[in-house]
Protein backbone atom coordinates (compact mmCIF):
# COMPACT_ATOMS: atom_id res chain seq x y z
CA UNK A 1 23.85 20.40 15.05
CA UNK A 2 23.86 23.21 17.59
CA UNK A 3 23.41 22.84 21.33
CA UNK A 4 19.81 24.11 21.11
CA UNK A 5 18.95 21.82 18.23
CA UNK A 6 20.12 18.87 20.32
CA UNK A 7 17.93 20.00 23.21
CA UNK A 8 14.97 20.54 20.87
CA UNK A 9 15.32 17.13 19.27
CA UNK A 10 15.45 15.49 22.68
CA UNK A 11 12.37 17.38 23.85
CA UNK A 12 10.33 16.61 20.74
CA UNK A 13 10.92 12.89 21.27
CA UNK A 14 8.80 13.03 24.39
CA UNK A 15 5.27 11.73 24.29
CA UNK A 16 3.93 15.14 25.31
CA UNK A 17 4.61 16.59 21.87
CA UNK A 18 2.67 14.02 19.86
CA UNK A 19 -0.11 13.89 22.43
CA UNK A 20 -0.44 17.68 22.37
CA UNK A 21 -0.39 17.74 18.57
CA UNK A 22 -3.08 15.06 18.25
CA UNK A 23 -5.18 16.80 20.92
CA UNK A 24 -5.03 20.09 19.04
CA UNK A 25 -6.00 18.30 15.81
CA UNK A 26 -8.98 16.70 17.55
CA UNK A 27 -10.16 19.99 19.01
CA UNK A 28 -9.74 21.82 15.69
CA UNK A 29 -11.65 19.09 13.86
CA UNK A 30 -14.60 19.49 16.24
CA UNK A 31 -14.51 23.30 16.02
CA UNK A 32 -14.36 23.58 12.22
CA UNK A 33 -17.21 21.15 11.66
CA UNK A 34 -19.76 23.96 11.63
CA UNK A 35 -17.90 26.27 9.17
CA UNK A 36 -17.24 23.30 6.91
CA UNK A 37 -20.94 22.50 6.90
CA UNK A 38 -21.46 25.02 4.10
CA UNK A 39 -19.62 22.63 1.79
CA UNK A 40 -22.02 19.76 2.46
CA UNK A 41 -24.92 19.31 -0.02
CA UNK A 42 -28.37 19.94 1.53
CA UNK A 43 -29.53 16.39 0.78
CA UNK A 44 -26.57 14.95 2.68
CA UNK A 45 -27.10 17.38 5.54
CA UNK A 46 -30.67 16.19 5.91
CA UNK A 47 -29.58 12.56 6.00
CA UNK A 48 -26.66 12.97 8.41
CA UNK A 49 -27.60 16.07 10.38
CA UNK A 50 -29.32 14.13 13.15
CA UNK A 51 -28.48 13.68 16.79
CA UNK A 52 -26.72 10.36 16.15
CA UNK A 53 -23.30 12.00 16.46
CA UNK A 54 -24.02 13.02 20.06
CA UNK A 55 -24.64 9.45 21.22
CA UNK A 56 -21.59 8.16 19.39
CA UNK A 57 -19.41 10.92 20.84
CA UNK A 58 -20.51 10.05 24.39
CA UNK A 59 -19.58 6.40 23.83
CA UNK A 60 -16.28 7.43 22.24
CA UNK A 61 -15.36 9.80 25.09
CA UNK A 62 -16.05 7.15 27.75
CA UNK A 63 -14.17 4.38 25.95
CA UNK A 64 -11.17 6.55 25.02
CA UNK A 65 -10.69 7.62 28.62
CA UNK A 66 -10.64 3.96 29.71
CA UNK A 67 -8.36 2.88 26.85
CA UNK A 68 -5.92 5.71 27.53
CA UNK A 69 -5.74 4.82 31.21
CA UNK A 70 -5.22 1.15 30.39
CA UNK A 71 -2.52 1.98 27.84
CA UNK A 72 -0.62 4.17 30.27
CA UNK A 73 -0.77 1.43 32.90
CA UNK A 74 0.52 -1.09 30.40
CA UNK A 75 3.40 1.16 29.35
CA UNK A 76 4.46 1.84 32.94
CA UNK A 77 4.32 -1.90 33.63
CA UNK A 78 6.51 -2.55 30.57
CA UNK A 79 9.05 0.00 31.80
CA UNK A 80 9.17 -1.69 35.20
CA UNK A 81 9.54 -5.10 33.58
CA UNK A 82 12.38 -3.89 31.37
CA UNK A 83 14.20 -2.60 34.45
CA UNK A 84 13.76 -5.90 36.27
CA UNK A 85 14.66 -8.33 33.48
CA UNK A 86 16.94 -6.18 31.33
CA UNK A 87 18.69 -2.96 32.19
CA UNK A 88 17.52 0.50 33.25
CA UNK A 89 19.51 1.87 30.29
CA UNK A 90 16.88 0.42 27.95
CA UNK A 91 14.07 2.50 29.43
CA UNK A 92 14.93 5.56 27.36
CA UNK A 93 14.47 3.45 24.21
CA UNK A 94 11.06 2.20 25.35
CA UNK A 95 9.95 5.69 26.34
CA UNK A 96 10.97 7.02 22.90
CA UNK A 97 9.01 4.33 21.02
CA UNK A 98 6.91 5.94 18.28
CA UNK A 99 4.25 3.24 18.14
CA UNK A 100 3.27 3.76 21.76
CA UNK A 101 3.42 7.54 21.28
CA UNK A 102 1.11 7.37 18.26
CA UNK A 103 -1.34 5.06 20.03
CA UNK A 104 -1.66 7.17 23.17
CA UNK A 105 -1.77 10.37 21.14
CA UNK A 106 -4.57 8.99 18.97
CA UNK A 107 -6.60 7.98 22.02
CA UNK A 108 -6.09 11.34 23.73
CA UNK A 109 -6.89 13.21 20.52
CA UNK A 110 -10.08 11.18 20.03
CA UNK A 111 -11.08 11.89 23.64
CA UNK A 112 -10.49 15.63 23.16
CA UNK A 113 -12.51 15.60 19.91
CA UNK A 114 -15.38 13.82 21.65
CA UNK A 115 -15.47 16.19 24.62
CA UNK A 116 -15.39 19.32 22.46
CA UNK A 117 -18.05 17.85 20.16
CA UNK A 118 -20.32 16.97 23.09
CA UNK A 119 -19.95 20.45 24.61
CA UNK A 120 -20.64 22.12 21.26
CA UNK A 121 -23.74 19.99 20.70
CA UNK A 122 -25.06 20.77 24.18
CA UNK A 123 -24.60 24.48 23.44
CA UNK A 124 -26.43 24.04 20.10
CA UNK A 125 -23.48 25.46 18.17
CA UNK A 126 -24.03 23.24 15.11
CA UNK A 127 -26.72 23.63 12.50
CA UNK A 128 -27.88 20.69 10.37
CA UNK A 129 -24.94 20.90 7.97
CA UNK A 130 -22.51 21.29 10.88
CA UNK A 131 -23.92 18.16 12.52
CA UNK A 132 -23.40 16.31 9.24
CA UNK A 133 -19.73 17.30 9.13
CA UNK A 134 -19.39 16.39 12.82
CA UNK A 135 -20.89 12.97 12.10
CA UNK A 136 -18.47 12.39 9.22
CA UNK A 137 -15.58 13.54 11.41
CA UNK A 138 -16.72 11.15 14.12
CA UNK A 139 -16.71 8.26 11.65
CA UNK A 140 -13.18 9.21 10.57
CA UNK A 141 -12.00 9.31 14.19
CA UNK A 142 -13.60 5.92 14.90
CA UNK A 143 -11.83 4.33 11.92
CA UNK A 144 -8.52 5.86 13.03
CA UNK A 145 -9.02 4.58 16.57
CA UNK A 146 -9.91 1.06 15.37
CA UNK A 147 -6.80 0.82 13.17
CA UNK A 148 -4.65 2.16 16.02
CA UNK A 149 -6.19 -0.30 18.48
CA UNK A 150 -5.45 -3.27 16.24
CA UNK A 151 -1.82 -2.17 15.83
CA UNK A 152 -1.60 -1.45 19.56
CA UNK A 153 -2.86 -4.91 20.52
CA UNK A 154 -0.29 -6.55 18.24
CA UNK A 155 2.43 -4.28 19.57
CA UNK A 156 1.66 -5.02 23.23
CA UNK A 157 2.32 -8.74 22.72
CA UNK A 158 6.06 -8.03 22.39
CA UNK A 159 6.52 -4.61 24.00
CA UNK A 160 8.96 -4.79 26.92
CA UNK A 161 9.70 -8.52 26.54
CA UNK A 162 13.32 -9.70 26.75
CA UNK A 163 13.69 -10.19 23.00
CA UNK A 164 12.21 -6.74 22.38
CA UNK A 165 14.62 -5.13 24.86
CA UNK A 166 17.65 -6.84 23.32
CA UNK A 167 16.55 -5.87 19.80
CA UNK A 168 15.99 -2.25 20.78
CA UNK A 169 19.35 -1.93 22.52
CA UNK A 170 21.12 -3.70 19.65
CA UNK A 171 19.51 -1.43 17.05
CA UNK A 172 20.46 1.68 19.02
CA UNK A 173 23.99 0.35 19.47
CA UNK A 174 24.27 -0.44 15.75
CA UNK A 175 23.16 3.07 14.77
CA UNK A 176 25.70 4.63 17.12
CA UNK A 177 28.43 2.26 15.95
CA UNK A 178 27.68 2.98 12.29
CA UNK A 179 28.10 6.68 12.97
CA UNK A 180 31.35 6.03 14.79
CA UNK A 181 32.70 3.62 12.17
CA UNK A 182 31.96 6.06 9.35
CA UNK A 183 33.87 8.85 11.09
CA UNK A 184 35.70 7.80 14.28
CA UNK A 185 37.22 11.26 14.72
CA UNK A 186 34.04 13.21 13.90
CA UNK A 187 35.78 15.00 11.05
CA UNK A 188 38.70 16.14 13.21
CA UNK A 189 42.41 15.33 13.41
CA UNK A 190 43.66 12.33 15.39
CA UNK A 191 44.71 12.98 18.96
CA UNK A 192 48.18 14.25 19.70
CA UNK A 193 49.44 15.45 23.04
CA UNK A 194 48.66 19.16 23.44
CA UNK A 195 51.67 21.42 24.02
CA UNK A 196 52.86 22.00 27.57
CA UNK A 197 51.68 25.61 27.46
CA UNK A 198 48.16 24.64 26.30
CA UNK A 199 45.37 26.54 28.07
CA UNK A 200 42.50 24.46 29.52
CA UNK A 201 38.84 25.42 29.05
CA UNK A 202 36.95 24.09 32.06
CA UNK A 203 33.38 22.83 32.11
CA UNK A 204 30.82 24.87 34.00
CA UNK A 205 28.63 21.87 34.89
CA UNK A 206 28.91 18.21 35.85
CA UNK A 207 27.34 15.21 34.11
CA UNK A 208 27.74 13.07 31.02
CA UNK A 209 28.60 14.44 27.60
CA UNK A 210 25.76 13.48 25.26
CA UNK A 211 26.72 15.53 22.20
CA UNK A 212 29.75 17.41 20.89
CA UNK A 213 29.21 20.10 18.25
CA UNK A 214 32.41 19.80 16.24
CA UNK A 215 31.40 22.51 13.76
CA UNK A 216 31.03 25.00 16.61
CA UNK A 217 34.49 24.11 17.91
CA UNK A 218 35.97 24.57 14.44
CA UNK A 219 34.34 28.00 14.17
CA UNK A 220 35.81 29.08 17.50
CA UNK A 221 39.26 27.80 16.48
CA UNK A 222 39.09 29.75 13.22
CA UNK A 223 37.90 32.94 14.91
CA UNK A 224 40.60 32.71 17.58
CA UNK A 225 43.29 31.43 15.16
CA UNK A 226 44.11 28.51 17.44
CA UNK A 227 44.03 24.71 17.67
CA UNK A 228 41.75 22.82 20.05
CA UNK A 229 42.18 19.41 21.68
CA UNK A 230 38.86 17.82 22.74
CA UNK A 231 39.44 16.07 26.03
CA UNK A 232 36.07 14.30 26.24
CA UNK A 233 33.71 12.83 23.65
CA UNK A 234 30.10 11.65 24.02
CA UNK A 235 29.66 9.24 26.90
CA UNK A 236 32.41 10.70 29.08
CA UNK A 237 31.74 11.76 32.64
CA UNK A 238 32.93 15.28 33.36
CA UNK A 239 33.03 17.38 36.49
CA UNK A 240 32.59 21.13 36.77
CA UNK A 241 35.89 23.04 36.73
CA UNK A 242 37.65 20.15 34.98
CA UNK A 243 38.96 20.83 31.44
CA UNK A 244 36.92 19.71 28.44
CA UNK A 245 39.16 21.30 25.81
CA UNK A 246 42.75 22.48 25.59
CA UNK A 247 43.74 25.40 23.34
CA UNK A 248 47.22 26.33 22.21
CA UNK A 249 46.54 29.94 23.18
CA UNK A 250 44.34 31.82 25.61
CA UNK A 251 40.75 32.30 24.44
CA UNK A 252 38.51 35.27 25.01
CA UNK A 253 35.74 34.77 27.55
CA UNK A 254 33.17 34.78 24.75
CA UNK A 255 35.10 32.11 22.83
CA UNK A 256 35.56 30.00 25.97
CA UNK A 257 31.81 30.15 26.59
CA UNK A 258 31.18 29.10 22.97
CA UNK A 259 33.47 26.10 23.53
CA UNK A 260 31.50 25.10 26.64
CA UNK A 261 28.23 25.43 24.73
CA UNK A 262 29.56 22.99 22.10
CA UNK A 263 29.20 20.25 24.73
CA UNK A 264 25.71 19.08 25.66
CA UNK A 265 25.91 17.77 29.22
CA UNK A 266 23.10 15.77 30.82
CA UNK A 267 22.49 13.71 33.93
CA UNK A 268 22.29 10.48 31.93
CA UNK A 269 24.07 9.04 28.92
CA UNK A 270 22.25 8.69 25.59
CA UNK A 271 22.84 6.34 22.67
CA UNK A 272 23.18 8.78 19.76
CA UNK A 273 26.89 9.67 19.74
CA UNK A 274 27.94 7.07 22.29
CA UNK A 275 28.70 3.64 20.78
CA UNK A 276 29.99 2.34 24.11
CA UNK A 277 26.65 2.78 25.88
CA UNK A 278 24.93 0.23 23.65
CA UNK A 279 27.64 -2.34 24.36
CA UNK A 280 27.44 -1.63 28.09
CA UNK A 281 23.65 -1.95 28.10
CA UNK A 282 23.79 -5.30 26.30
CA UNK A 283 26.39 -6.53 28.80
CA UNK A 284 24.16 -5.46 31.68
CA UNK A 285 21.30 -7.50 30.24
CA UNK A 286 23.57 -10.53 30.04
CA UNK A 287 24.98 -10.03 33.55
CA UNK A 288 21.50 -9.95 35.02
CA UNK A 289 20.53 -13.07 33.08
CA UNK A 290 23.66 -14.89 34.28
CA UNK A 291 23.15 -13.97 37.92
CA UNK A 292 22.39 -16.89 40.30
CA UNK A 293 18.89 -15.50 40.91
CA UNK A 294 17.98 -15.70 37.20
CA UNK A 295 20.33 -18.38 35.81
CA UNK A 296 19.46 -17.85 32.14
CA UNK A 297 22.54 -18.66 30.02
CA UNK A 298 20.43 -18.65 26.87
CA UNK A 299 19.96 -14.89 27.16
CA UNK A 300 23.70 -14.54 27.73
CA UNK A 301 24.37 -16.40 24.50
CA UNK A 302 21.81 -14.28 22.64
CA UNK A 303 23.43 -11.08 23.91
CA UNK A 304 26.87 -12.28 22.80
CA UNK A 305 25.52 -12.72 19.28
CA UNK A 306 24.15 -9.18 19.41
CA UNK A 307 27.50 -7.86 20.65
CA UNK A 308 29.24 -9.53 17.72
CA UNK A 309 26.86 -7.93 15.22
CA UNK A 310 27.42 -4.48 16.73
CA UNK A 311 31.22 -4.80 16.84
CA UNK A 312 31.32 -6.28 13.36
CA UNK A 313 30.35 -2.84 12.04
CA UNK A 314 33.48 -1.27 13.52
CA UNK A 315 35.76 -4.20 12.77
CA UNK A 316 34.88 -4.25 9.06
CA UNK A 317 34.99 -0.49 8.63
CA UNK A 318 37.44 0.82 6.04
CA UNK A 319 36.05 4.35 5.97
CA UNK A 320 38.42 7.20 5.26
CA UNK A 321 36.39 10.23 6.27
CA UNK A 322 37.14 13.70 5.01
CA UNK A 323 38.90 16.12 7.34
CA UNK A 324 36.21 18.70 8.08
CA UNK A 325 37.60 20.30 11.24
CA UNK A 326 41.35 20.71 10.71
CA UNK A 327 41.84 22.87 13.81
CA UNK A 328 40.39 20.27 16.20
CA UNK A 329 41.94 17.08 17.63
CA UNK A 330 39.83 14.24 19.06
CA UNK A 331 40.62 10.97 20.82
CA UNK A 332 39.67 7.77 19.04
CA UNK A 333 37.88 5.12 21.06
CA UNK A 334 40.35 2.28 21.57
CA UNK A 335 39.36 -1.15 20.29
CA UNK A 336 40.31 -2.62 23.66
CA UNK A 337 37.81 -0.33 25.41
CA UNK A 338 34.96 -1.38 23.11
CA UNK A 339 35.77 -5.07 23.62
CA UNK A 340 36.05 -4.56 27.35
CA UNK A 341 32.59 -2.98 27.45
CA UNK A 342 31.13 -5.81 25.37
CA UNK A 343 32.78 -8.97 26.69
CA UNK A 344 34.45 -8.50 30.06
CA UNK A 345 31.26 -8.40 32.19
CA UNK A 346 29.89 -11.46 30.37
CA UNK A 347 33.21 -13.29 30.64
CA UNK A 348 33.26 -12.52 34.36
CA UNK A 349 29.67 -13.49 35.17
CA UNK A 350 29.50 -16.41 32.71
CA UNK A 351 32.95 -17.88 33.30
CA UNK A 352 31.48 -20.86 35.12
CA UNK A 353 28.93 -21.61 32.37
CA UNK A 354 30.55 -23.61 29.59
CA UNK A 355 27.99 -22.57 26.96
CA UNK A 356 28.77 -18.93 27.59
CA UNK A 357 32.53 -19.47 27.73
CA UNK A 358 32.43 -21.30 24.40
CA UNK A 359 30.23 -18.67 22.79
CA UNK A 360 32.60 -15.87 23.84
CA UNK A 361 35.50 -17.59 22.06
CA UNK A 362 33.34 -18.26 19.02
CA UNK A 363 32.18 -14.64 18.69
CA UNK A 364 35.68 -13.26 19.23
CA UNK A 365 36.94 -15.70 16.62
CA UNK A 366 34.27 -14.52 14.19
CA UNK A 367 35.45 -10.94 14.65
CA UNK A 368 39.08 -12.00 14.19
CA UNK A 369 38.14 -13.67 10.92
CA UNK A 370 37.00 -10.39 9.36
CA UNK A 371 39.37 -7.83 10.80
CA UNK A 372 42.27 -6.49 8.83
CA UNK A 373 43.36 -4.00 11.45
CA UNK A 374 46.34 -4.82 13.65
CA UNK A 375 44.98 -2.92 16.65
CA UNK A 376 41.67 -4.75 16.49
CA UNK A 377 43.40 -8.12 16.07
CA UNK A 378 45.62 -7.49 19.07
CA UNK A 379 42.69 -6.38 21.23
CA UNK A 380 40.54 -9.35 20.15
CA UNK A 381 43.28 -11.83 21.00
CA UNK A 382 43.78 -10.21 24.39
CA UNK A 383 40.03 -10.40 25.10
CA UNK A 384 39.98 -14.07 24.09
CA UNK A 385 42.91 -14.88 26.38
CA UNK A 386 41.31 -13.06 29.29
CA UNK A 387 38.03 -14.92 28.79
CA UNK A 388 39.91 -18.23 28.64
CA UNK A 389 41.70 -17.50 31.90
CA UNK A 390 38.42 -16.69 33.63
CA UNK A 391 36.85 -19.91 32.31
CA UNK A 392 39.84 -22.02 33.43
CA UNK A 393 39.47 -20.70 36.97
CA UNK A 394 35.68 -21.07 37.12
CA UNK A 395 34.97 -24.36 35.28
CA UNK A 396 35.34 -27.56 37.28
CA UNK A 397 34.97 -30.22 34.58
CA UNK A 398 38.15 -31.01 32.62
CA UNK A 399 36.26 -31.78 29.40
CA UNK A 400 34.59 -28.36 29.49
CA UNK A 401 37.92 -26.64 29.98
CA UNK A 402 39.44 -28.60 27.11
CA UNK A 403 36.59 -27.55 24.82
CA UNK A 404 37.07 -23.90 25.68
CA UNK A 405 40.83 -24.19 25.14
CA UNK A 406 40.30 -25.84 21.76
CA UNK A 407 37.90 -23.15 20.62
CA UNK A 408 40.25 -20.47 21.95
CA UNK A 409 43.15 -21.89 19.92
CA UNK A 410 40.98 -21.92 16.81
CA UNK A 411 39.94 -18.30 17.42
CA UNK A 412 43.54 -17.12 17.70
CA UNK A 413 44.32 -18.85 14.42
CA UNK A 414 41.51 -16.86 12.74
CA UNK A 415 39.55 -20.02 11.99
CA UNK A 416 36.57 -21.82 13.40
CA UNK A 417 36.77 -25.38 14.78
CA UNK A 418 35.44 -28.17 12.61
CA UNK A 419 33.74 -30.26 15.24
CA UNK A 420 33.89 -32.06 18.53
CA UNK A 421 32.55 -29.17 20.59
CA UNK A 422 29.29 -28.77 22.40
CA UNK A 423 28.94 -25.02 21.95
CA UNK A 424 25.45 -23.85 21.07
CA UNK A 425 24.75 -22.87 17.52
């Protein structure tokens, strides 16, 4: 995917595109009613070519304006709620929701159709056959609006609720993790230290890397007969004038600019190529739930289960991807970093809650049960020991501490305890 394709895809996800498309469709439908009237049989034109469409269009225009305003208010309220009870990182997932886009676009399109139809009728643009087509088009729009309204009502009952936010973040995290697990190095060579004489290619802007075009980097390396070392992958924070790539030889200015264009840099991180962001967002939801002001350990436990499902994708992965970019080297995300993003904030904020402390050991033990990778096993054991130490310092009841220690010992032995613990199922 090129830099411009990434920008285009991001832009087309906005609600403006669907709303504009549906509006154009509504306007076109009202305009072509008269030309299409020639296809309507005279008998049908006489039956339908009355002024009934005008009254219906007036009702439709008034109601669609109110429904659109109400829907926008509801969506903005859901965004605010998600920020308050979840994490601001989840807002981009709510904003990109297709159901809400389709609903608002349908309402705006129906409003545009109604307004154009009313104006055309007042100008006496339609003949009898044109009015018949307009009436049939109006019936079609009404049916579409009714179906959309029913779906929209059902959707609003869960939109922006805590469970919906967790599910959305987990699904985005799983998609990103699946992409990472299938090809951790993005088709490139594993990282090795660049030579001492390597030439840096500095970034010309500051922000977060949201996409790296590996194919473009490979093309530059082939054209310049060199090897490239990618210093930052998606999710990294970079600063202008700091290196993003090292080359084993000096590049032409045109090639250096092509290297910079291979990195899409934005003000905010996105989920697509960044598996760590999903883990961080889930941890933020749990940290807020475990704060003294909220005191909701149940949400913390639910998030831990989601973290385990996301990490399970990477832990179980045995993919051996094909080397597609032999002239490029990329850093692999360390298992310890992924576990730190997922569990350390929860272990810190939930150390004094025995249910959370027990669940952390249980989920880490579940991951240990399925891993066959030494690096993952070592990182999981370290995360379990760190969580145990935090719980030992925060818990005040000896029986609670003993339960956490017992579950910790079982996790390190790659087995689950058989009983005697009060951890939530």
